[in-house]
Amino acid sequence: MQNTIGWLLNRASYGWRTVVDNAMKELGLTQSGWMTMLHLHRLGEGCSQKALAANIGIEQPTLQRSVNCLQESGYLLRKTSAGDARVKTLWFTEQGRAMLARMEAIAADCRAEMLAGLSDQECEQFSQLLEKVLDNANTKLRRTHDN
């Protein structure tokens, strides 16, 4: 069983992302677009492009393309950081906030479908277990990075 956990996590992540991606297409958003918007929402407006790229786990040039498209669509704004003129921060426009609300409703529907059959207690336990796995991975990565 333990030797399949990584494989199952990978497949579950892929399946989850694919279900949400298919649903977000009705809004005209690509996977990179909706993921950028959701991560920005979770991280908080005013974060730097560098911080957002790190949070998503992608390179800055990749994020740059997504942000460009979202800015051209009227969903995001770039602003110069008050602390460092070289740093660009990211903000939602009113249109972007409206789109985010629509995205969150779609994501909630997808989440309900994918967690169907699990009790609230099972969902909470599942979430706690995944957080522990992520904490362990981050601890290992920090140790590897420090050496």
C-alpha atoms as a PDB file:
ATOM      1  CA  MET A   1       0.000   0.000   0.000  1.00  0.00           C
ATOM      2  CA  GLN A   2       2.662   2.517   0.995  1.00  0.00           C
ATOM      3  CA  ASN A   3       4.517   2.099  -2.274  1.00  0.00           C
ATOM      4  CA  THR A   4       1.453   3.336  -4.190  1.00  0.00           C
ATOM      5  CA  ILE A   5       0.767   6.482  -2.130  1.00  0.00           C
ATOM      6  CA  GLY A   6       2.934   8.749  -4.295  1.00  0.00           C
ATOM      7  CA  TRP A   7       1.379   7.362  -7.455  1.00  0.00           C
ATOM      8  CA  LEU A   8      -2.141   7.832  -6.049  1.00  0.00           C
ATOM      9  CA  LEU A   9      -1.359  11.398  -4.935  1.00  0.00           C
ATOM     10  CA  ASN A  10      -0.079  12.189  -8.408  1.00  0.00           C
ATOM     11  CA  ARG A  11      -3.111  10.645 -10.127  1.00  0.00           C
ATOM     12  CA  ALA A  12      -5.545  12.344  -7.728  1.00  0.00           C
ATOM     13  CA  SER A  13      -3.849  15.695  -8.303  1.00  0.00           C
ATOM     14  CA  TYR A  14      -3.944  15.230 -12.059  1.00  0.00           C
ATOM     15  CA  GLY A  15      -7.579  14.139 -11.988  1.00  0.00           C
ATOM     16  CA  TRP A  16      -8.599  17.019  -9.727  1.00  0.00           C
ATOM     17  CA  ARG A  17      -6.797  19.596 -11.873  1.00  0.00           C
ATOM     18  CA  THR A  18      -8.259  18.137 -15.081  1.00  0.00           C
ATOM     19  CA  VAL A  19     -11.833  18.200 -13.761  1.00  0.00           C
ATOM     20  CA  VAL A  20     -11.450  21.820 -12.622  1.00  0.00           C
ATOM     21  CA  ASP A  21      -9.678  22.774 -15.855  1.00  0.00           C
ATOM     22  CA  ASN A  22     -12.514  21.357 -17.958  1.00  0.00           C
ATOM     23  CA  ALA A  23     -15.045  23.297 -15.900  1.00  0.00           C
ATOM     24  CA  MET A  24     -13.048  26.555 -16.096  1.00  0.00           C
ATOM     25  CA  LYS A  25     -12.949  26.351 -19.896  1.00  0.00           C
ATOM     26  CA  GLU A  26     -16.573  27.494 -19.942  1.00  0.00           C
ATOM     27  CA  LEU A  27     -15.274  30.806 -18.543  1.00  0.00           C
ATOM     28  CA  GLY A  28     -12.704  31.026 -21.322  1.00  0.00           C
ATOM     29  CA  LEU A  29      -9.782  30.499 -18.945  1.00  0.00           C
ATOM     30  CA  THR A  30      -6.748  28.338 -19.556  1.00  0.00           C
ATOM     31  CA  GLN A  31      -5.302  26.220 -16.772  1.00  0.00           C
ATOM     32  CA  SER A  32      -2.406  28.623 -16.320  1.00  0.00           C
ATOM     33  CA  GLY A  33      -4.860  31.522 -16.146  1.00  0.00           C
ATOM     34  CA  TRP A  34      -7.213  30.142 -13.521  1.00  0.00           C
ATOM     35  CA  MET A  35      -4.355  28.699 -11.481  1.00  0.00           C
ATOM     36  CA  THR A  36      -2.602  32.085 -11.482  1.00  0.00           C
ATOM     37  CA  MET A  37      -5.775  33.820 -10.322  1.00  0.00           C
ATOM     38  CA  LEU A  38      -6.527  31.280  -7.586  1.00  0.00           C
ATOM     39  CA  HIS A  39      -2.966  31.338  -6.275  1.00  0.00           C
ATOM     40  CA  LEU A  40      -2.939  35.135  -6.261  1.00  0.00           C
ATOM     41  CA  HIS A  41      -6.202  35.117  -4.335  1.00  0.00           C
ATOM     42  CA  ARG A  42      -4.787  32.671  -1.753  1.00  0.00           C
ATOM     43  CA  LEU A  43      -1.441  34.433  -1.484  1.00  0.00           C
ATOM     44  CA  GLY A  44      -3.004  37.886  -1.370  1.00  0.00           C
ATOM     45  CA  GLU A  45      -3.155  40.844  -3.696  1.00  0.00           C
ATOM     46  CA  GLY A  46      -0.066  43.005  -3.785  1.00  0.00           C
ATOM     47  CA  CYS A  47       2.327  40.065  -3.816  1.00  0.00           C
ATOM     48  CA  SER A  48       5.255  40.177  -6.194  1.00  0.00           C
ATOM     49  CA  GLN A  49       5.384  38.200  -9.408  1.00  0.00           C
ATOM     50  CA  LYS A  50       8.411  36.376  -7.972  1.00  0.00           C
ATOM     51  CA  ALA A  51       6.486  35.319  -4.847  1.00  0.00           C
ATOM     52  CA  LEU A  52       3.515  34.193  -6.928  1.00  0.00           C
ATOM     53  CA  ALA A  53       5.704  32.129  -9.266  1.00  0.00           C
ATOM     54  CA  ALA A  54       7.331  30.440  -6.269  1.00  0.00           C
ATOM     55  CA  ASN A  55       3.919  29.763  -4.708  1.00  0.00           C
ATOM     56  CA  ILE A  56       2.632  28.153  -7.905  1.00  0.00           C
ATOM     57  CA  GLY A  57       5.898  26.286  -8.437  1.00  0.00           C
ATOM     58  CA  ILE A  58       6.713  27.700 -11.863  1.00  0.00           C
ATOM     59  CA  GLU A  59       9.435  29.865 -13.357  1.00  0.00           C
ATOM     60  CA  GLN A  60       8.918  33.618 -13.609  1.00  0.00           C
ATOM     61  CA  PRO A  61       8.947  33.714 -17.439  1.00  0.00           C
ATOM     62  CA  THR A  62       6.098  31.174 -17.458  1.00  0.00           C
ATOM     63  CA  LEU A  63       4.143  33.278 -14.985  1.00  0.00           C
ATOM     64  CA  GLN A  64       4.889  36.387 -17.019  1.00  0.00           C
ATOM     65  CA  ARG A  65       2.997  34.955 -19.997  1.00  0.00           C
ATOM     66  CA  SER A  66      -0.008  34.070 -17.851  1.00  0.00           C
ATOM     67  CA  VAL A  67      -0.064  37.480 -16.181  1.00  0.00           C
ATOM     68  CA  ASN A  68       0.211  39.188 -19.570  1.00  0.00           C
ATOM     69  CA  CYS A  69      -2.862  37.302 -20.830  1.00  0.00           C
ATOM     70  CA  LEU A  70      -4.823  37.998 -17.648  1.00  0.00           C
ATOM     71  CA  GLN A  71      -3.887  41.666 -17.807  1.00  0.00           C
ATOM     72  CA  GLU A  72      -4.933  41.879 -21.472  1.00  0.00           C
ATOM     73  CA  SER A  73      -8.250  40.238 -20.522  1.00  0.00           C
ATOM     74  CA  GLY A  74      -8.799  42.939 -17.908  1.00  0.00           C
ATOM     75  CA  TYR A  75      -8.539  40.661 -14.847  1.00  0.00           C
ATOM     76  CA  LEU A  76      -5.210  41.773 -13.329  1.00  0.00           C
ATOM     77  CA  LEU A  77      -3.145  44.898 -12.897  1.00  0.00           C
ATOM     78  CA  ARG A  78       0.575  45.218 -12.360  1.00  0.00           C
ATOM     79  CA  LYS A  79       1.721  47.973 -10.042  1.00  0.00           C
ATOM     80  CA  THR A  80       5.194  49.067  -9.086  1.00  0.00           C
ATOM     81  CA  SER A  81       6.086  48.163  -5.511  1.00  0.00           C
ATOM     82  CA  ALA A  82       6.350  51.111  -3.147  1.00  0.00           C
ATOM     83  CA  GLY A  83       9.447  49.540  -1.588  1.00  0.00           C
ATOM     84  CA  ASP A  84      11.326  48.643  -4.776  1.00  0.00           C
ATOM     85  CA  ALA A  85      10.642  50.158  -8.201  1.00  0.00           C
ATOM     86  CA  ARG A  86      12.028  47.019  -9.898  1.00  0.00           C
ATOM     87  CA  VAL A  87       9.352  44.823  -8.303  1.00  0.00           C
ATOM     88  CA  LYS A  88       5.904  44.485  -9.853  1.00  0.00           C
ATOM     89  CA  THR A  89       2.975  43.603  -7.618  1.00  0.00           C
ATOM     90  CA  LEU A  90      -0.259  42.008  -8.793  1.00  0.00           C
ATOM     91  CA  TRP A  91      -3.805  43.180  -8.135  1.00  0.00           C
ATOM     92  CA  PHE A  92      -7.269  42.124  -9.275  1.00  0.00           C
ATOM     93  CA  THR A  93      -9.400  44.539 -11.253  1.00  0.00           C
ATOM     94  CA  GLU A  94     -13.138  44.704 -10.525  1.00  0.00           C
ATOM     95  CA  GLN A  95     -13.641  42.484 -13.566  1.00  0.00           C
ATOM     96  CA  GLY A  96     -11.030  40.098 -12.147  1.00  0.00           C
ATOM     97  CA  ARG A  97     -12.808  39.944  -8.785  1.00  0.00           C
ATOM     98  CA  ALA A  98     -16.079  39.147 -10.540  1.00  0.00           C
ATOM     99  CA  MET A  99     -14.363  36.393 -12.526  1.00  0.00           C
ATOM    100  CA  LEU A 100     -12.765  35.076  -9.337  1.00  0.00           C
ATOM    101  CA  ALA A 101     -16.216  34.771  -7.728  1.00  0.00           C
ATOM    102  CA  ARG A 102     -17.451  32.785 -10.728  1.00  0.00           C
ATOM    103  CA  MET A 103     -14.330  30.608 -10.605  1.00  0.00           C
ATOM    104  CA  GLU A 104     -14.785  29.901  -6.902  1.00  0.00           C
ATOM    105  CA  ALA A 105     -18.391  28.795  -7.474  1.00  0.00           C
ATOM    106  CA  ILE A 106     -17.280  26.421 -10.224  1.00  0.00           C
ATOM    107  CA  ALA A 107     -14.397  25.120  -8.091  1.00  0.00           C
ATOM    108  CA  ALA A 108     -16.798  24.499  -5.184  1.00  0.00           C
ATOM    109  CA  ASP A 109     -19.075  22.451  -7.460  1.00  0.00           C
ATOM    110  CA  CYS A 110     -16.100  20.434  -8.720  1.00  0.00           C
ATOM    111  CA  ARG A 111     -14.821  19.903  -5.178  1.00  0.00           C
ATOM    112  CA  ALA A 112     -18.250  18.641  -4.051  1.00  0.00           C
ATOM    113  CA  GLU A 113     -18.352  16.183  -6.946  1.00  0.00           C
ATOM    114  CA  MET A 114     -14.839  14.892  -6.312  1.00  0.00           C
ATOM    115  CA  LEU A 115     -15.377  14.495  -2.564  1.00  0.00           C
ATOM    116  CA  ALA A 116     -18.777  12.834  -2.988  1.00  0.00           C
ATOM    117  CA  GLY A 117     -19.156   9.865  -0.672  1.00  0.00           C
ATOM    118  CA  LEU A 118     -16.761  11.241   1.943  1.00  0.00           C
ATOM    119  CA  SER A 119     -18.150  12.495   5.241  1.00  0.00           C
ATOM    120  CA  ASP A 120     -17.209  15.902   6.621  1.00  0.00           C
ATOM    121  CA  GLN A 121     -15.035  14.103   9.176  1.00  0.00           C
ATOM    122  CA  GLU A 122     -13.283  12.094   6.457  1.00  0.00           C
ATOM    123  CA  CYS A 123     -12.673  15.264   4.427  1.00  0.00           C
ATOM    124  CA  GLU A 124     -11.182  16.985   7.478  1.00  0.00           C
ATOM    125  CA  GLN A 125      -8.963  14.005   8.255  1.00  0.00           C
ATOM    126  CA  PHE A 126      -7.909  13.735   4.606  1.00  0.00           C
ATOM    127  CA  SER A 127      -6.984  17.415   4.585  1.00  0.00           C
ATOM    128  CA  GLN A 128      -4.967  17.057   7.790  1.00  0.00           C
ATOM    129  CA  LEU A 129      -3.124  14.039   6.418  1.00  0.00           C
ATOM    130  CA  LEU A 130      -2.249  15.842   3.187  1.00  0.00           C
ATOM    131  CA  GLU A 131      -1.002  18.845   5.184  1.00  0.00           C
ATOM    132  CA  LYS A 132       1.260  16.500   7.176  1.00  0.00           C
ATOM    133  CA  VAL A 133       2.650  14.994   3.950  1.00  0.00           C
ATOM    134  CA  LEU A 134       3.314  18.516   2.612  1.00  0.00           C
ATOM    135  CA  ASP A 135       4.964  19.575   5.874  1.00  0.00           C
ATOM    136  CA  ASN A 136       7.223  16.512   5.712  1.00  0.00           C
ATOM    137  CA  ALA A 137       8.125  17.257   2.106  1.00  0.00           C
ATOM    138  CA  ASN A 138       8.920  20.899   2.930  1.00  0.00           C
ATOM    139  CA  THR A 139      11.073  19.834   5.887  1.00  0.00           C
ATOM    140  CA  LYS A 140      12.999  17.436   3.653  1.00  0.00           C
ATOM    141  CA  LEU A 141      13.427  20.098   0.964  1.00  0.00           C
ATOM    142  CA  ARG A 142      14.725  22.634   3.515  1.00  0.00           C
ATOM    143  CA  ARG A 143      17.246  20.110   4.839  1.00  0.00           C
ATOM    144  CA  THR A 144      18.361  19.268   1.316  1.00  0.00           C
ATOM    145  CA  HIS A 145      18.626  22.963   0.457  1.00  0.00           C
ATOM    146  CA  ASP A 146      20.604  23.757   3.618  1.00  0.00           C
ATOM    147  CA  ASN A 147      23.236  21.081   2.885  1.00  0.00           C
END
